């Protein structure tokens, strides 16, 4: 029986050792496996995030290509600085067509902001008969320039023979690209 006890103790100790070693390996690998699972889930989230970003970039590129013709038309709507030089001559020609005297000068150059594109301040004085002044203002609205009028001062200078003559001072801005 002593031999049986020794064999039983040996088998039990070997079995217990194997169970403890396997339990230790399982515990060691369980932590390693859970770390890898967390890492894989992190990579999946990163991949999903990147796929979402790529999808947004693709949509934005499509919208950009669709909006490009409109953007070009908008950019062409505003004159360049070299085209802005012609504004004084255009206004003087318009005044000459309506028998008016015009004094025009550019003011400060204003850089573009989030609210407004770049622009020049201007100051002009227009003198002549009231009907002609109204025709000139109508022609001003039809010009290919985007003009913001900040202030208009209208004063009657004289009247003769049923005609009224006015002096008009206009302060404003003309926008450019």
C-alpha atoms as a PDB file:
ATOM      1  CA  UNK A   1       0.000   0.000   0.000  1.00  0.00           C
ATOM      2  CA  UNK A   2       2.885   2.285   0.522  1.00  0.00           C
ATOM      3  CA  UNK A   3       3.687   2.000  -3.112  1.00  0.00           C
ATOM      4  CA  UNK A   4       0.107   2.923  -3.990  1.00  0.00           C
ATOM      5  CA  UNK A   5       0.248   6.017  -1.729  1.00  0.00           C
ATOM      6  CA  UNK A   6       3.516   7.131  -3.303  1.00  0.00           C
ATOM      7  CA  UNK A   7       2.060   6.713  -6.808  1.00  0.00           C
ATOM      8  CA  UNK A   8      -1.161   8.467  -5.838  1.00  0.00           C
ATOM      9  CA  UNK A   9       0.737  11.371  -4.294  1.00  0.00           C
ATOM     10  CA  UNK A  10       3.002  11.537  -7.359  1.00  0.00           C
ATOM     11  CA  UNK A  11       0.049  11.521  -9.786  1.00  0.00           C
ATOM     12  CA  UNK A  12      -1.857  14.039  -7.673  1.00  0.00           C
ATOM     13  CA  UNK A  13       1.177  16.308  -7.355  1.00  0.00           C
ATOM     14  CA  UNK A  14       1.876  16.088 -11.110  1.00  0.00           C
ATOM     15  CA  UNK A  15      -1.805  16.742 -11.884  1.00  0.00           C
ATOM     16  CA  UNK A  16      -1.917  19.622  -9.414  1.00  0.00           C
ATOM     17  CA  UNK A  17       1.319  21.025 -10.871  1.00  0.00           C
ATOM     18  CA  UNK A  18      -0.090  20.784 -14.394  1.00  0.00           C
ATOM     19  CA  UNK A  19      -3.331  22.464 -13.266  1.00  0.00           C
ATOM     20  CA  UNK A  20      -1.386  25.242 -11.515  1.00  0.00           C
ATOM     21  CA  UNK A  21       0.908  25.747 -14.528  1.00  0.00           C
ATOM     22  CA  UNK A  22      -2.066  25.780 -16.923  1.00  0.00           C
ATOM     23  CA  UNK A  23      -3.963  28.108 -14.562  1.00  0.00           C
ATOM     24  CA  UNK A  24      -0.923  30.428 -14.413  1.00  0.00           C
ATOM     25  CA  UNK A  25      -0.538  30.354 -18.191  1.00  0.00           C
ATOM     26  CA  UNK A  26      -4.259  30.954 -18.607  1.00  0.00           C
ATOM     27  CA  UNK A  27      -4.112  33.906 -16.165  1.00  0.00           C
ATOM     28  CA  UNK A  28      -0.997  35.298 -17.901  1.00  0.00           C
ATOM     29  CA  UNK A  29      -2.468  34.916 -21.370  1.00  0.00           C
ATOM     30  CA  UNK A  30      -5.905  36.142 -20.241  1.00  0.00           C
ATOM     31  CA  UNK A  31      -4.385  39.519 -19.328  1.00  0.00           C
ATOM     32  CA  UNK A  32      -2.373  39.520 -22.547  1.00  0.00           C
ATOM     33  CA  UNK A  33      -5.436  38.486 -24.558  1.00  0.00           C
ATOM     34  CA  UNK A  34      -7.626  41.154 -22.937  1.00  0.00           C
ATOM     35  CA  UNK A  35      -4.951  43.763 -23.711  1.00  0.00           C
ATOM     36  CA  UNK A  36      -4.880  42.559 -27.330  1.00  0.00           C
ATOM     37  CA  UNK A  37      -8.690  42.628 -27.495  1.00  0.00           C
ATOM     38  CA  UNK A  38      -8.674  46.212 -26.222  1.00  0.00           C
ATOM     39  CA  UNK A  39      -5.964  47.066 -28.743  1.00  0.00           C
ATOM     40  CA  UNK A  40      -7.912  45.423 -31.604  1.00  0.00           C
ATOM     41  CA  UNK A  41     -11.082  47.312 -30.582  1.00  0.00           C
ATOM     42  CA  UNK A  42      -9.072  50.529 -30.500  1.00  0.00           C
ATOM     43  CA  UNK A  43      -7.786  49.792 -34.016  1.00  0.00           C
ATOM     44  CA  UNK A  44     -11.340  49.087 -35.181  1.00  0.00           C
ATOM     45  CA  UNK A  45     -12.516  52.423 -33.800  1.00  0.00           C
ATOM     46  CA  UNK A  46      -9.551  54.156 -35.421  1.00  0.00           C
ATOM     47  CA  UNK A  47     -10.333  52.443 -38.717  1.00  0.00           C
ATOM     48  CA  UNK A  48     -14.020  53.408 -38.486  1.00  0.00           C
ATOM     49  CA  UNK A  49     -13.026  56.984 -37.672  1.00  0.00           C
ATOM     50  CA  UNK A  50     -10.633  57.119 -40.619  1.00  0.00           C
ATOM     51  CA  UNK A  51     -13.257  55.627 -42.928  1.00  0.00           C
ATOM     52  CA  UNK A  52     -15.707  58.280 -41.759  1.00  0.00           C
ATOM     53  CA  UNK A  53     -13.134  61.015 -42.337  1.00  0.00           C
ATOM     54  CA  UNK A  54     -12.324  59.656 -45.798  1.00  0.00           C
ATOM     55  CA  UNK A  55     -16.025  59.579 -46.610  1.00  0.00           C
ATOM     56  CA  UNK A  56     -16.379  63.210 -45.486  1.00  0.00           C
ATOM     57  CA  UNK A  57     -13.348  64.201 -47.554  1.00  0.00           C
ATOM     58  CA  UNK A  58     -14.836  62.450 -50.585  1.00  0.00           C
ATOM     59  CA  UNK A  59     -18.164  64.274 -50.112  1.00  0.00           C
ATOM     60  CA  UNK A  60     -16.364  67.605 -49.662  1.00  0.00           C
ATOM     61  CA  UNK A  61     -14.315  67.027 -52.811  1.00  0.00           C
ATOM     62  CA  UNK A  62     -17.507  66.312 -54.757  1.00  0.00           C
ATOM     63  CA  UNK A  63     -19.146  69.458 -53.360  1.00  0.00           C
ATOM     64  CA  UNK A  64     -16.014  71.441 -54.195  1.00  0.00           C
ATOM     65  CA  UNK A  65     -16.055  70.300 -57.823  1.00  0.00           C
ATOM     66  CA  UNK A  66     -19.777  71.118 -58.039  1.00  0.00           C
ATOM     67  CA  UNK A  67     -19.270  74.576 -56.531  1.00  0.00           C
ATOM     68  CA  UNK A  68     -16.153  75.491 -58.523  1.00  0.00           C
ATOM     69  CA  UNK A  69     -18.024  76.987 -61.513  1.00  0.00           C
ATOM     70  CA  UNK A  70     -20.153  79.099 -59.154  1.00  0.00           C
ATOM     71  CA  UNK A  71     -17.090  80.199 -57.214  1.00  0.00           C
ATOM     72  CA  UNK A  72     -15.370  81.253 -60.430  1.00  0.00           C
ATOM     73  CA  UNK A  73     -18.430  83.271 -61.462  1.00  0.00           C
ATOM     74  CA  UNK A  74     -18.489  84.954 -58.062  1.00  0.00           C
ATOM     75  CA  UNK A  75     -14.790  85.730 -58.270  1.00  0.00           C
ATOM     76  CA  UNK A  76     -15.285  87.249 -61.717  1.00  0.00           C
ATOM     77  CA  UNK A  77     -18.156  89.370 -60.394  1.00  0.00           C
ATOM     78  CA  UNK A  78     -15.717  91.522 -58.465  1.00  0.00           C
ATOM     79  CA  UNK A  79     -13.174  93.560 -60.433  1.00  0.00           C
ATOM     80  CA  UNK A  80      -9.437  93.246 -59.930  1.00  0.00           C
ATOM     81  CA  UNK A  81      -7.281  96.142 -58.745  1.00  0.00           C
ATOM     82  CA  UNK A  82      -6.206  96.893 -62.318  1.00  0.00           C
ATOM     83  CA  UNK A  83      -9.849  96.995 -63.423  1.00  0.00           C
ATOM     84  CA  UNK A  84     -10.606  99.271 -60.475  1.00  0.00           C
ATOM     85  CA  UNK A  85      -8.470 102.012 -62.031  1.00  0.00           C
ATOM     86  CA  UNK A  86     -11.057 102.271 -64.818  1.00  0.00           C
ATOM     87  CA  UNK A  87     -13.874 103.071 -62.361  1.00  0.00           C
ATOM     88  CA  UNK A  88     -13.108 106.790 -62.326  1.00  0.00           C
ATOM     89  CA  UNK A  89     -13.245 106.969 -66.135  1.00  0.00           C
ATOM     90  CA  UNK A  90     -16.461 104.948 -66.232  1.00  0.00           C
ATOM     91  CA  UNK A  91     -18.093 107.294 -63.709  1.00  0.00           C
ATOM     92  CA  UNK A  92     -16.863 110.384 -65.581  1.00  0.00           C
ATOM     93  CA  UNK A  93     -18.170 109.010 -68.893  1.00  0.00           C
ATOM     94  CA  UNK A  94     -21.522 108.331 -67.270  1.00  0.00           C
ATOM     95  CA  UNK A  95     -21.551 111.875 -65.870  1.00  0.00           C
ATOM     96  CA  UNK A  96     -20.595 113.303 -69.276  1.00  0.00           C
ATOM     97  CA  UNK A  97     -23.489 111.472 -70.915  1.00  0.00           C
ATOM     98  CA  UNK A  98     -25.858 113.164 -68.458  1.00  0.00           C
ATOM     99  CA  UNK A  99     -24.344 116.688 -68.574  1.00  0.00           C
ATOM    100  CA  UNK A 100     -22.961 116.517 -65.053  1.00  0.00           C
ATOM    101  CA  UNK A 101     -19.716 117.566 -63.419  1.00  0.00           C
ATOM    102  CA  UNK A 102     -17.974 114.841 -61.416  1.00  0.00           C
ATOM    103  CA  UNK A 103     -15.124 114.946 -58.965  1.00  0.00           C
ATOM    104  CA  UNK A 104     -13.965 111.487 -57.843  1.00  0.00           C
ATOM    105  CA  UNK A 105     -11.165 110.166 -55.681  1.00  0.00           C
ATOM    106  CA  UNK A 106     -10.299 106.866 -54.076  1.00  0.00           C
ATOM    107  CA  UNK A 107      -9.744 106.726 -50.343  1.00  0.00           C
ATOM    108  CA  UNK A 108      -8.190 104.056 -48.182  1.00  0.00           C
ATOM    109  CA  UNK A 109      -7.662 100.482 -49.235  1.00  0.00           C
ATOM    110  CA  UNK A 110      -9.319  98.048 -46.809  1.00  0.00           C
ATOM    111  CA  UNK A 111      -8.050  94.472 -46.567  1.00  0.00           C
ATOM    112  CA  UNK A 112     -10.542  91.607 -46.736  1.00  0.00           C
ATOM    113  CA  UNK A 113     -12.215  90.497 -43.509  1.00  0.00           C
ATOM    114  CA  UNK A 114     -14.604  87.677 -42.755  1.00  0.00           C
ATOM    115  CA  UNK A 115     -17.525  90.056 -43.303  1.00  0.00           C
ATOM    116  CA  UNK A 116     -16.335  91.909 -46.420  1.00  0.00           C
ATOM    117  CA  UNK A 117     -14.018  91.386 -49.374  1.00  0.00           C
ATOM    118  CA  UNK A 118     -11.214  93.869 -49.910  1.00  0.00           C
ATOM    119  CA  UNK A 119     -12.412  97.290 -50.992  1.00  0.00           C
ATOM    120  CA  UNK A 120     -11.542 100.915 -51.574  1.00  0.00           C
ATOM    121  CA  UNK A 121     -13.289 103.824 -49.934  1.00  0.00           C
ATOM    122  CA  UNK A 122     -14.271 106.529 -52.380  1.00  0.00           C
ATOM    123  CA  UNK A 123     -15.570 110.059 -52.316  1.00  0.00           C
ATOM    124  CA  UNK A 124     -17.337 111.713 -55.224  1.00  0.00           C
ATOM    125  CA  UNK A 125     -19.102 114.986 -55.799  1.00  0.00           C
ATOM    126  CA  UNK A 126     -21.619 115.275 -58.590  1.00  0.00           C
ATOM    127  CA  UNK A 127     -23.212 118.546 -59.705  1.00  0.00           C
ATOM    128  CA  UNK A 128     -25.924 119.162 -62.251  1.00  0.00           C
ATOM    129  CA  UNK A 129     -29.634 119.275 -63.007  1.00  0.00           C
ATOM    130  CA  UNK A 130     -31.881 117.088 -60.847  1.00  0.00           C
ATOM    131  CA  UNK A 131     -33.195 114.876 -63.685  1.00  0.00           C
ATOM    132  CA  UNK A 132     -29.675 114.246 -64.917  1.00  0.00           C
ATOM    133  CA  UNK A 133     -28.519 113.368 -61.396  1.00  0.00           C
ATOM    134  CA  UNK A 134     -31.304 110.780 -61.177  1.00  0.00           C
ATOM    135  CA  UNK A 135     -30.349 109.330 -64.576  1.00  0.00           C
ATOM    136  CA  UNK A 136     -26.707 109.138 -63.452  1.00  0.00           C
ATOM    137  CA  UNK A 137     -27.707 107.280 -60.270  1.00  0.00           C
ATOM    138  CA  UNK A 138     -29.767 104.847 -62.316  1.00  0.00           C
ATOM    139  CA  UNK A 139     -26.735 104.265 -64.553  1.00  0.00           C
ATOM    140  CA  UNK A 140     -24.563 103.782 -61.449  1.00  0.00           C
ATOM    141  CA  UNK A 141     -26.751 100.890 -60.340  1.00  0.00           C
ATOM    142  CA  UNK A 142     -26.305  99.172 -63.702  1.00  0.00           C
ATOM    143  CA  UNK A 143     -22.495  99.237 -63.635  1.00  0.00           C
ATOM    144  CA  UNK A 144     -20.500  96.022 -63.290  1.00  0.00           C
ATOM    145  CA  UNK A 145     -19.078  97.174 -59.969  1.00  0.00           C
ATOM    146  CA  UNK A 146     -20.341  96.287 -56.537  1.00  0.00           C
ATOM    147  CA  UNK A 147     -20.661  99.575 -54.713  1.00  0.00           C
ATOM    148  CA  UNK A 148     -21.817 100.176 -51.160  1.00  0.00           C
ATOM    149  CA  UNK A 149     -22.993 103.710 -50.531  1.00  0.00           C
ATOM    150  CA  UNK A 150     -22.353 104.750 -46.929  1.00  0.00           C
ATOM    151  CA  UNK A 151     -23.635 108.302 -47.128  1.00  0.00           C
ATOM    152  CA  UNK A 152     -25.320 110.611 -49.629  1.00  0.00           C
ATOM    153  CA  UNK A 153     -25.537 114.347 -49.077  1.00  0.00           C
ATOM    154  CA  UNK A 154     -27.844 116.153 -51.457  1.00  0.00           C
ATOM    155  CA  UNK A 155     -28.026 119.929 -51.533  1.00  0.00           C
ATOM    156  CA  UNK A 156     -29.681 122.299 -53.947  1.00  0.00           C
ATOM    157  CA  UNK A 157     -27.157 124.735 -55.351  1.00  0.00           C
ATOM    158  CA  UNK A 158     -29.387 126.900 -57.566  1.00  0.00           C
ATOM    159  CA  UNK A 159     -32.502 127.044 -59.656  1.00  0.00           C
ATOM    160  CA  UNK A 160     -33.198 128.894 -62.858  1.00  0.00           C
ATOM    161  CA  UNK A 161     -35.968 128.713 -65.415  1.00  0.00           C
ATOM    162  CA  UNK A 162     -37.784 125.939 -63.549  1.00  0.00           C
ATOM    163  CA  UNK A 163     -34.667 123.767 -63.395  1.00  0.00           C
ATOM    164  CA  UNK A 164     -33.108 122.799 -60.098  1.00  0.00           C
ATOM    165  CA  UNK A 165     -29.404 122.175 -59.797  1.00  0.00           C
ATOM    166  CA  UNK A 166     -28.005 119.923 -57.109  1.00  0.00           C
ATOM    167  CA  UNK A 167     -24.698 118.983 -55.614  1.00  0.00           C
ATOM    168  CA  UNK A 168     -24.504 115.366 -54.518  1.00  0.00           C
ATOM    169  CA  UNK A 169     -21.714 114.091 -52.277  1.00  0.00           C
ATOM    170  CA  UNK A 170     -21.436 110.304 -52.085  1.00  0.00           C
ATOM    171  CA  UNK A 171     -19.182 108.429 -49.698  1.00  0.00           C
ATOM    172  CA  UNK A 172     -18.943 104.677 -50.141  1.00  0.00           C
ATOM    173  CA  UNK A 173     -16.922 101.594 -50.919  1.00  0.00           C
ATOM    174  CA  UNK A 174     -16.269  99.686 -54.079  1.00  0.00           C
ATOM    175  CA  UNK A 175     -15.424  95.999 -53.689  1.00  0.00           C
ATOM    176  CA  UNK A 176     -12.754  94.087 -55.554  1.00  0.00           C
ATOM    177  CA  UNK A 177     -11.259  90.614 -55.596  1.00  0.00           C
END
